[in-house]
PDB file of all heavy atoms in Angstrom:
ATOM      1  N   LEU A   1     -39.383  -3.844 -45.572  1.00  0.00           N
ATOM      2  CA  LEU A   1     -40.140  -3.474 -44.401  1.00  0.00           C
ATOM      3  C   LEU A   1     -39.283  -2.891 -43.383  1.00  0.00           C
ATOM      4  O   LEU A   1     -38.137  -3.380 -43.177  1.00  0.00           O
ATOM      5  CB  LEU A   1     -40.871  -4.698 -43.874  1.00  0.00           C
ATOM      6  CG  LEU A   1     -41.859  -5.370 -44.793  1.00  0.00           C
ATOM      7  CD1 LEU A   1     -42.371  -6.715 -44.158  1.00  0.00           C
ATOM      8  CD2 LEU A   1     -42.991  -4.553 -45.140  1.00  0.00           C
ATOM      9  N   SER A   2     -39.764  -1.915 -42.634  1.00  0.00           N
ATOM     10  CA  SER A   2     -39.001  -1.346 -41.545  1.00  0.00           C
ATOM     11  C   SER A   2     -39.023  -2.352 -40.362  1.00  0.00           C
ATOM     12  O   SER A   2     -39.824  -3.304 -40.375  1.00  0.00           O
ATOM     13  CB  SER A   2     -39.593   0.017 -41.142  1.00  0.00           C
ATOM     14  OG  SER A   2     -40.874  -0.235 -40.495  1.00  0.00           O
ATOM     15  N   ALA A   3     -38.261  -2.107 -39.421  1.00  0.00           N
ATOM     16  CA  ALA A   3     -38.237  -3.029 -38.236  1.00  0.00           C
ATOM     17  C   ALA A   3     -39.594  -3.057 -37.530  1.00  0.00           C
ATOM     18  O   ALA A   3     -40.022  -4.192 -37.157  1.00  0.00           O
ATOM     19  CB  ALA A   3     -37.137  -2.514 -37.257  1.00  0.00           C
ATOM     20  N   SER A   4     -40.241  -1.897 -37.391  1.00  0.00           N
ATOM     21  CA  SER A   4     -41.578  -1.948 -36.769  1.00  0.00           C
ATOM     22  C   SER A   4     -42.593  -2.682 -37.596  1.00  0.00           C
ATOM     23  O   SER A   4     -43.524  -3.298 -37.058  1.00  0.00           O
ATOM     24  CB  SER A   4     -41.985  -0.512 -36.451  1.00  0.00           C
ATOM     25  OG  SER A   4     -42.154   0.216 -37.615  1.00  0.00           O
ATOM     26  N   GLU A   5     -42.512  -2.588 -38.970  1.00  0.00           N
ATOM     27  CA  GLU A   5     -43.405  -3.272 -39.843  1.00  0.00           C
ATOM     28  C   GLU A   5     -43.128  -4.793 -39.810  1.00  0.00           C
ATOM     29  O   GLU A   5     -44.133  -5.601 -39.772  1.00  0.00           O
ATOM     30  CB  GLU A   5     -43.266  -2.760 -41.250  1.00  0.00           C
ATOM     31  CG  GLU A   5     -43.748  -1.358 -41.440  1.00  0.00           C
ATOM     32  CD  GLU A   5     -43.501  -0.764 -42.787  1.00  0.00           C
ATOM     33  OE1 GLU A   5     -42.487  -1.155 -43.416  1.00  0.00           O
ATOM     34  OE2 GLU A   5     -44.315   0.064 -43.206  1.00  0.00           O
ATOM     35  N   ARG A   6     -41.868  -5.211 -39.764  1.00  0.00           N
ATOM     36  CA  ARG A   6     -41.551  -6.617 -39.622  1.00  0.00           C
ATOM     37  C   ARG A   6     -42.123  -7.163 -38.308  1.00  0.00           C
ATOM     38  O   ARG A   6     -42.583  -8.343 -38.256  1.00  0.00           O
ATOM     39  CB  ARG A   6     -40.008  -6.809 -39.750  1.00  0.00           C
ATOM     40  CG  ARG A   6     -39.490  -6.652 -41.112  1.00  0.00           C
ATOM     41  CD  ARG A   6     -38.064  -7.103 -41.261  1.00  0.00           C
ATOM     42  NE  ARG A   6     -37.128  -6.588 -40.293  1.00  0.00           N
ATOM     43  CZ  ARG A   6     -36.415  -5.471 -40.407  1.00  0.00           C
ATOM     44  NH1 ARG A   6     -36.608  -4.692 -41.502  1.00  0.00           N
ATOM     45  NH2 ARG A   6     -35.651  -5.059 -39.447  1.00  0.00           N
ATOM     46  N   ARG A   7     -42.040  -6.373 -37.245  1.00  0.00           N
ATOM     47  CA  ARG A   7     -42.607  -6.783 -35.943  1.00  0.00           C
ATOM     48  C   ARG A   7     -44.043  -7.112 -36.081  1.00  0.00           C
ATOM     49  O   ARG A   7     -44.509  -8.076 -35.420  1.00  0.00           O
ATOM     50  CB  ARG A   7     -42.296  -5.703 -34.932  1.00  0.00           C
ATOM     51  CG  ARG A   7     -42.731  -6.104 -33.508  1.00  0.00           C
ATOM     52  CD  ARG A   7     -42.333  -5.027 -32.478  1.00  0.00           C
ATOM     53  NE  ARG A   7     -42.641  -5.389 -31.132  1.00  0.00           N
ATOM     54  CZ  ARG A   7     -43.883  -5.352 -30.587  1.00  0.00           C
ATOM     55  NH1 ARG A   7     -44.869  -4.822 -31.267  1.00  0.00           N
ATOM     56  NH2 ARG A   7     -44.058  -5.706 -29.381  1.00  0.00           N
ATOM     57  N   VAL A   8     -44.777  -6.198 -36.744  1.00  0.00           N
ATOM     58  CA  VAL A   8     -46.206  -6.421 -36.921  1.00  0.00           C
ATOM     59  C   VAL A   8     -46.535  -7.751 -37.594  1.00  0.00           C
ATOM     60  O   VAL A   8     -47.392  -8.531 -37.196  1.00  0.00           O
ATOM     61  CB  VAL A   8     -46.873  -5.263 -37.661  1.00  0.00           C
ATOM     62  CG1 VAL A   8     -48.354  -5.623 -38.060  1.00  0.00           C
ATOM     63  CG2 VAL A   8     -46.855  -3.945 -36.849  1.00  0.00           C
ATOM     64  N   VAL A   9     -45.739  -8.072 -38.615  1.00  0.00           N
ATOM     65  CA  VAL A   9     -45.882  -9.326 -39.400  1.00  0.00           C
ATOM     66  C   VAL A   9     -45.560 -10.505 -38.495  1.00  0.00           C
ATOM     67  O   VAL A   9     -46.315 -11.473 -38.434  1.00  0.00           O
ATOM     68  CB  VAL A   9     -45.058  -9.324 -40.660  1.00  0.00           C
ATOM     69  CG1 VAL A   9     -45.096 -10.637 -41.381  1.00  0.00           C
ATOM     70  CG2 VAL A   9     -45.488  -8.173 -41.582  1.00  0.00           C
ATOM     71  N   HIS A  10     -44.425 -10.417 -37.800  1.00  0.00           N
ATOM     72  CA  HIS A  10     -44.019 -11.516 -36.838  1.00  0.00           C
ATOM     73  C   HIS A  10     -45.161 -11.803 -35.866  1.00  0.00           C
ATOM     74  O   HIS A  10     -45.601 -12.895 -35.572  1.00  0.00           O
ATOM     75  CB  HIS A  10     -42.784 -11.148 -36.119  1.00  0.00           C
ATOM     76  CG  HIS A  10     -41.506 -11.336 -36.875  1.00  0.00           C
ATOM     77  ND1 HIS A  10     -41.089 -12.522 -37.407  1.00  0.00           N
ATOM     78  CD2 HIS A  10     -40.553 -10.484 -37.252  1.00  0.00           C
ATOM     79  CE1 HIS A  10     -39.958 -12.381 -38.019  1.00  0.00           C
ATOM     80  NE2 HIS A  10     -39.586 -11.099 -37.911  1.00  0.00           N
ATOM     81  N   LEU A  11     -45.719 -10.684 -35.206  1.00  0.00           N
ATOM     82  CA  LEU A  11     -46.707 -10.864 -34.241  1.00  0.00           C
ATOM     83  C   LEU A  11     -48.006 -11.381 -34.847  1.00  0.00           C
ATOM     84  O   LEU A  11     -48.689 -12.217 -34.184  1.00  0.00           O
ATOM     85  CB  LEU A  11     -46.973  -9.517 -33.483  1.00  0.00           C
ATOM     86  CG  LEU A  11     -45.871  -9.019 -32.628  1.00  0.00           C
ATOM     87  CD1 LEU A  11     -46.161  -7.590 -32.103  1.00  0.00           C
ATOM     88  CD2 LEU A  11     -45.640  -9.985 -31.434  1.00  0.00           C
ATOM     89  N   THR A  12     -48.349 -10.976 -35.987  1.00  0.00           N
ATOM     90  CA  THR A  12     -49.552 -11.393 -36.673  1.00  0.00           C
ATOM     91  C   THR A  12     -49.515 -12.971 -36.894  1.00  0.00           C
ATOM     92  O   THR A  12     -50.469 -13.687 -36.748  1.00  0.00           O
ATOM     93  CB  THR A  12     -49.790 -10.662 -37.984  1.00  0.00           C
ATOM     94  OG1 THR A  12     -49.911  -9.272 -37.737  1.00  0.00           O
ATOM     95  CG2 THR A  12     -50.987 -11.186 -38.707  1.00  0.00           C
ATOM     96  N   LEU A  13     -48.402 -13.452 -37.292  1.00  0.00           N
ATOM     97  CA  LEU A  13     -48.216 -14.838 -37.724  1.00  0.00           C
ATOM     98  C   LEU A  13     -47.804 -15.748 -36.559  1.00  0.00           C
ATOM     99  O   LEU A  13     -47.713 -16.939 -36.702  1.00  0.00           O
ATOM    100  CB  LEU A  13     -47.289 -14.995 -38.906  1.00  0.00           C
ATOM    101  CG  LEU A  13     -47.743 -14.298 -40.168  1.00  0.00           C
ATOM    102  CD1 LEU A  13     -46.742 -14.434 -41.284  1.00  0.00           C
ATOM    103  CD2 LEU A  13     -49.174 -14.766 -40.602  1.00  0.00           C
ATOM    104  N   SER A  14     -47.473 -15.139 -35.414  1.00  0.00           N
ATOM    105  CA  SER A  14     -46.935 -15.938 -34.296  1.00  0.00           C
ATOM    106  C   SER A  14     -47.942 -16.933 -33.705  1.00  0.00           C
ATOM    107  O   SER A  14     -47.516 -17.982 -33.183  1.00  0.00           O
ATOM    108  CB  SER A  14     -46.449 -14.999 -33.176  1.00  0.00           C
ATOM    109  OG  SER A  14     -47.518 -14.296 -32.606  1.00  0.00           O
ATOM    110  N   GLY A  15     -49.144 -16.701 -33.964  1.00  0.00           N
ATOM    111  CA  GLY A  15     -50.204 -17.615 -33.422  1.00  0.00           C
ATOM    112  C   GLY A  15     -50.475 -18.812 -34.273  1.00  0.00           C
ATOM    113  O   GLY A  15     -51.117 -19.739 -33.938  1.00  0.00           O
ATOM    114  N   ASP A  16     -49.941 -18.800 -35.562  1.00  0.00           N
ATOM    115  CA  ASP A  16     -50.144 -19.818 -36.468  1.00  0.00           C
ATOM    116  C   ASP A  16     -48.958 -20.816 -36.457  1.00  0.00           C
ATOM    117  O   ASP A  16     -47.896 -20.545 -36.871  1.00  0.00           O
ATOM    118  CB  ASP A  16     -50.312 -19.247 -37.887  1.00  0.00           C
ATOM    119  CG  ASP A  16     -50.750 -20.319 -38.898  1.00  0.00           C
ATOM    120  OD1 ASP A  16     -50.628 -21.529 -38.620  1.00  0.00           O
ATOM    121  OD2 ASP A  16     -51.391 -19.872 -39.955  1.00  0.00           O
ATOM    122  N   GLU A  17     -49.215 -22.016 -35.869  1.00  0.00           N
ATOM    123  CA  GLU A  17     -48.143 -22.970 -35.702  1.00  0.00           C
ATOM    124  C   GLU A  17     -47.677 -23.554 -37.004  1.00  0.00           C
ATOM    125  O   GLU A  17     -46.573 -24.157 -37.040  1.00  0.00           O
ATOM    126  CB  GLU A  17     -48.601 -24.112 -34.758  1.00  0.00           C
ATOM    127  CG  GLU A  17     -48.928 -23.642 -33.351  1.00  0.00           C
ATOM    128  CD  GLU A  17     -49.454 -24.718 -32.461  1.00  0.00           C
ATOM    129  OE1 GLU A  17     -49.696 -25.887 -32.977  1.00  0.00           O
ATOM    130  OE2 GLU A  17     -49.664 -24.439 -31.235  1.00  0.00           O
ATOM    131  N   ARG A  18     -48.385 -23.379 -38.071  1.00  0.00           N
ATOM    132  CA  ARG A  18     -47.965 -23.937 -39.351  1.00  0.00           C
ATOM    133  C   ARG A  18     -46.957 -23.003 -40.074  1.00  0.00           C
ATOM    134  O   ARG A  18     -46.333 -23.446 -41.005  1.00  0.00           O
ATOM    135  CB  ARG A  18     -49.204 -24.056 -40.313  1.00  0.00           C
ATOM    136  CG  ARG A  18     -50.298 -24.915 -39.688  1.00  0.00           C
ATOM    137  CD  ARG A  18     -51.543 -24.805 -40.526  1.00  0.00           C
ATOM    138  NE  ARG A  18     -51.985 -23.468 -40.540  1.00  0.00           N
ATOM    139  CZ  ARG A  18     -52.856 -22.981 -41.437  1.00  0.00           C
ATOM    140  NH1 ARG A  18     -53.369 -23.710 -42.406  1.00  0.00           N
ATOM    141  NH2 ARG A  18     -53.221 -21.669 -41.364  1.00  0.00           N
ATOM    142  N   ILE A  19     -46.799 -21.757 -39.601  1.00  0.00           N
ATOM    143  CA  ILE A  19     -45.988 -20.761 -40.252  1.00  0.00           C
ATOM    144  C   ILE A  19     -44.842 -20.303 -39.336  1.00  0.00           C
ATOM    145  O   ILE A  19     -44.954 -20.169 -38.129  1.00  0.00           O
ATOM    146  CB  ILE A  19     -46.837 -19.499 -40.643  1.00  0.00           C
ATOM    147  CG1 ILE A  19     -47.909 -19.912 -41.622  1.00  0.00           C
ATOM    148  CG2 ILE A  19     -45.956 -18.399 -41.144  1.00  0.00           C
ATOM    149  CD1 ILE A  19     -47.389 -20.301 -42.941  1.00  0.00           C
ATOM    150  N   GLU A  20     -43.679 -20.212 -39.938  1.00  0.00           N
ATOM    151  CA  GLU A  20     -42.497 -19.585 -39.266  1.00  0.00           C
ATOM    152  C   GLU A  20     -42.109 -18.296 -39.978  1.00  0.00           C
ATOM    153  O   GLU A  20     -42.304 -18.252 -41.212  1.00  0.00           O
ATOM    154  CB  GLU A  20     -41.331 -20.584 -39.220  1.00  0.00           C
ATOM    155  CG  GLU A  20     -41.603 -21.761 -38.341  1.00  0.00           C
ATOM    156  CD  GLU A  20     -40.418 -22.653 -38.231  1.00  0.00           C
ATOM    157  OE1 GLU A  20     -39.256 -22.220 -38.297  1.00  0.00           O
ATOM    158  OE2 GLU A  20     -40.649 -23.878 -38.122  1.00  0.00           O
ATOM    159  N   THR A  21     -41.584 -17.339 -39.294  1.00  0.00           N
ATOM    160  CA  THR A  21     -41.119 -16.120 -39.884  1.00  0.00           C
ATOM    161  C   THR A  21     -39.690 -15.921 -39.566  1.00  0.00           C
ATOM    162  O   THR A  21     -39.234 -16.382 -38.469  1.00  0.00           O
ATOM    163  CB  THR A  21     -41.972 -14.858 -39.496  1.00  0.00           C
ATOM    164  OG1 THR A  21     -41.908 -14.729 -38.073  1.00  0.00           O
ATOM    165  CG2 THR A  21     -43.397 -15.049 -39.989  1.00  0.00           C
ATOM    166  N   GLU A  22     -38.961 -15.247 -40.425  1.00  0.00           N
ATOM    167  CA  GLU A  22     -37.550 -14.939 -40.161  1.00  0.00           C
ATOM    168  C   GLU A  22     -37.180 -13.610 -40.829  1.00  0.00           C
ATOM    169  O   GLU A  22     -37.445 -13.471 -42.030  1.00  0.00           O
ATOM    170  CB  GLU A  22     -36.741 -16.098 -40.761  1.00  0.00           C
ATOM    171  CG  GLU A  22     -35.231 -15.881 -40.619  1.00  0.00           C
ATOM    172  CD  GLU A  22     -34.470 -17.052 -41.219  1.00  0.00           C
ATOM    173  OE1 GLU A  22     -35.023 -18.043 -41.707  1.00  0.00           O
ATOM    174  OE2 GLU A  22     -33.178 -16.889 -41.384  1.00  0.00           O
ATOM    175  N   SER A  23     -36.610 -12.723 -40.106  1.00  0.00           N
ATOM    176  CA  SER A  23     -36.104 -11.442 -40.691  1.00  0.00           C
ATOM    177  C   SER A  23     -34.710 -11.642 -41.217  1.00  0.00           C
ATOM    178  O   SER A  23     -33.857 -12.278 -40.629  1.00  0.00           O
ATOM    179  CB  SER A  23     -36.088 -10.360 -39.602  1.00  0.00           C
ATOM    180  OG  SER A  23     -37.376 -10.014 -39.241  1.00  0.00           O
ATOM    181  N   MET A  24     -34.530 -11.038 -42.424  1.00  0.00           N
ATOM    182  CA  MET A  24     -33.246 -11.085 -43.068  1.00  0.00           C
ATOM    183  C   MET A  24     -32.987  -9.721 -43.644  1.00  0.00           C
ATOM    184  O   MET A  24     -33.545  -9.343 -44.675  1.00  0.00           O
ATOM    185  CB  MET A  24     -33.122 -12.113 -44.183  1.00  0.00           C
ATOM    186  CG  MET A  24     -33.462 -13.502 -43.694  1.00  0.00           C
ATOM    187  SD  MET A  24     -33.363 -14.685 -45.018  1.00  0.00           S
ATOM    188  CE  MET A  24     -31.604 -14.776 -45.268  1.00  0.00           C
ATOM    189  N   GLY A  25     -32.243  -8.856 -42.914  1.00  0.00           N
ATOM    190  CA  GLY A  25     -32.057  -7.498 -43.302  1.00  0.00           C
ATOM    191  C   GLY A  25     -33.337  -6.754 -43.269  1.00  0.00           C
ATOM    192  O   GLY A  25     -34.031  -6.670 -42.208  1.00  0.00           O
ATOM    193  N   GLU A  26     -33.766  -6.134 -44.365  1.00  0.00           N
ATOM    194  CA  GLU A  26     -35.026  -5.412 -44.478  1.00  0.00           C
ATOM    195  C   GLU A  26     -36.141  -6.263 -44.997  1.00  0.00           C
ATOM    196  O   GLU A  26     -37.279  -5.857 -45.149  1.00  0.00           O
ATOM    197  CB  GLU A  26     -34.831  -4.194 -45.336  1.00  0.00           C
ATOM    198  CG  GLU A  26     -33.980  -3.099 -44.726  1.00  0.00           C
ATOM    199  CD  GLU A  26     -33.883  -1.850 -45.576  1.00  0.00           C
ATOM    200  OE1 GLU A  26     -34.515  -1.837 -46.584  1.00  0.00           O
ATOM    201  OE2 GLU A  26     -33.137  -0.957 -45.145  1.00  0.00           O
ATOM    202  N   ALA A  27     -35.868  -7.566 -45.252  1.00  0.00           N
ATOM    203  CA  ALA A  27     -36.863  -8.474 -45.773  1.00  0.00           C
ATOM    204  C   ALA A  27     -37.320  -9.438 -44.688  1.00  0.00           C
ATOM    205  O   ALA A  27     -36.630  -9.538 -43.653  1.00  0.00           O
ATOM    206  CB  ALA A  27     -36.281  -9.323 -46.941  1.00  0.00           C
ATOM    207  N   LEU A  28     -38.484 -10.042 -44.910  1.00  0.00           N
ATOM    208  CA  LEU A  28     -38.982 -10.995 -43.983  1.00  0.00           C
ATOM    209  C   LEU A  28     -39.447 -12.196 -44.769  1.00  0.00           C
ATOM    210  O   LEU A  28     -40.038 -12.074 -45.831  1.00  0.00           O
ATOM    211  CB  LEU A  28     -40.169 -10.380 -43.208  1.00  0.00           C
ATOM    212  CG  LEU A  28     -40.810 -11.264 -42.179  1.00  0.00           C
ATOM    213  CD1 LEU A  28     -40.933 -10.496 -40.850  1.00  0.00           C
ATOM    214  CD2 LEU A  28     -42.073 -11.847 -42.607  1.00  0.00           C
ATOM    215  N   LEU A  29     -39.123 -13.423 -44.319  1.00  0.00           N
ATOM    216  CA  LEU A  29     -39.552 -14.646 -44.953  1.00  0.00           C
ATOM    217  C   LEU A  29     -40.651 -15.291 -44.112  1.00  0.00           C
ATOM    218  O   LEU A  29     -40.489 -15.415 -42.920  1.00  0.00           O
ATOM    219  CB  LEU A  29     -38.392 -15.590 -45.078  1.00  0.00           C
ATOM    220  CG  LEU A  29     -37.276 -15.251 -46.034  1.00  0.00           C
ATOM    221  CD1 LEU A  29     -36.163 -16.295 -45.983  1.00  0.00           C
ATOM    222  CD2 LEU A  29     -37.790 -15.009 -47.451  1.00  0.00           C
ATOM    223  N   ALA A  30     -41.693 -15.703 -44.776  1.00  0.00           N
ATOM    224  CA  ALA A  30     -42.779 -16.528 -44.142  1.00  0.00           C
ATOM    225  C   ALA A  30     -42.725 -17.865 -44.851  1.00  0.00           C
ATOM    226  O   ALA A  30     -42.786 -17.922 -46.077  1.00  0.00           O
ATOM    227  CB  ALA A  30     -44.142 -15.822 -44.286  1.00  0.00           C
TER     228      ALA A  30
END
């Protein structure tokens, strides 16, 4: 995912307290 795409994912999941996200290079972990 590009940086802007990772940002969309982070923002989408930021409201869910059960989920954490972490960027690692070009990948993102949920």
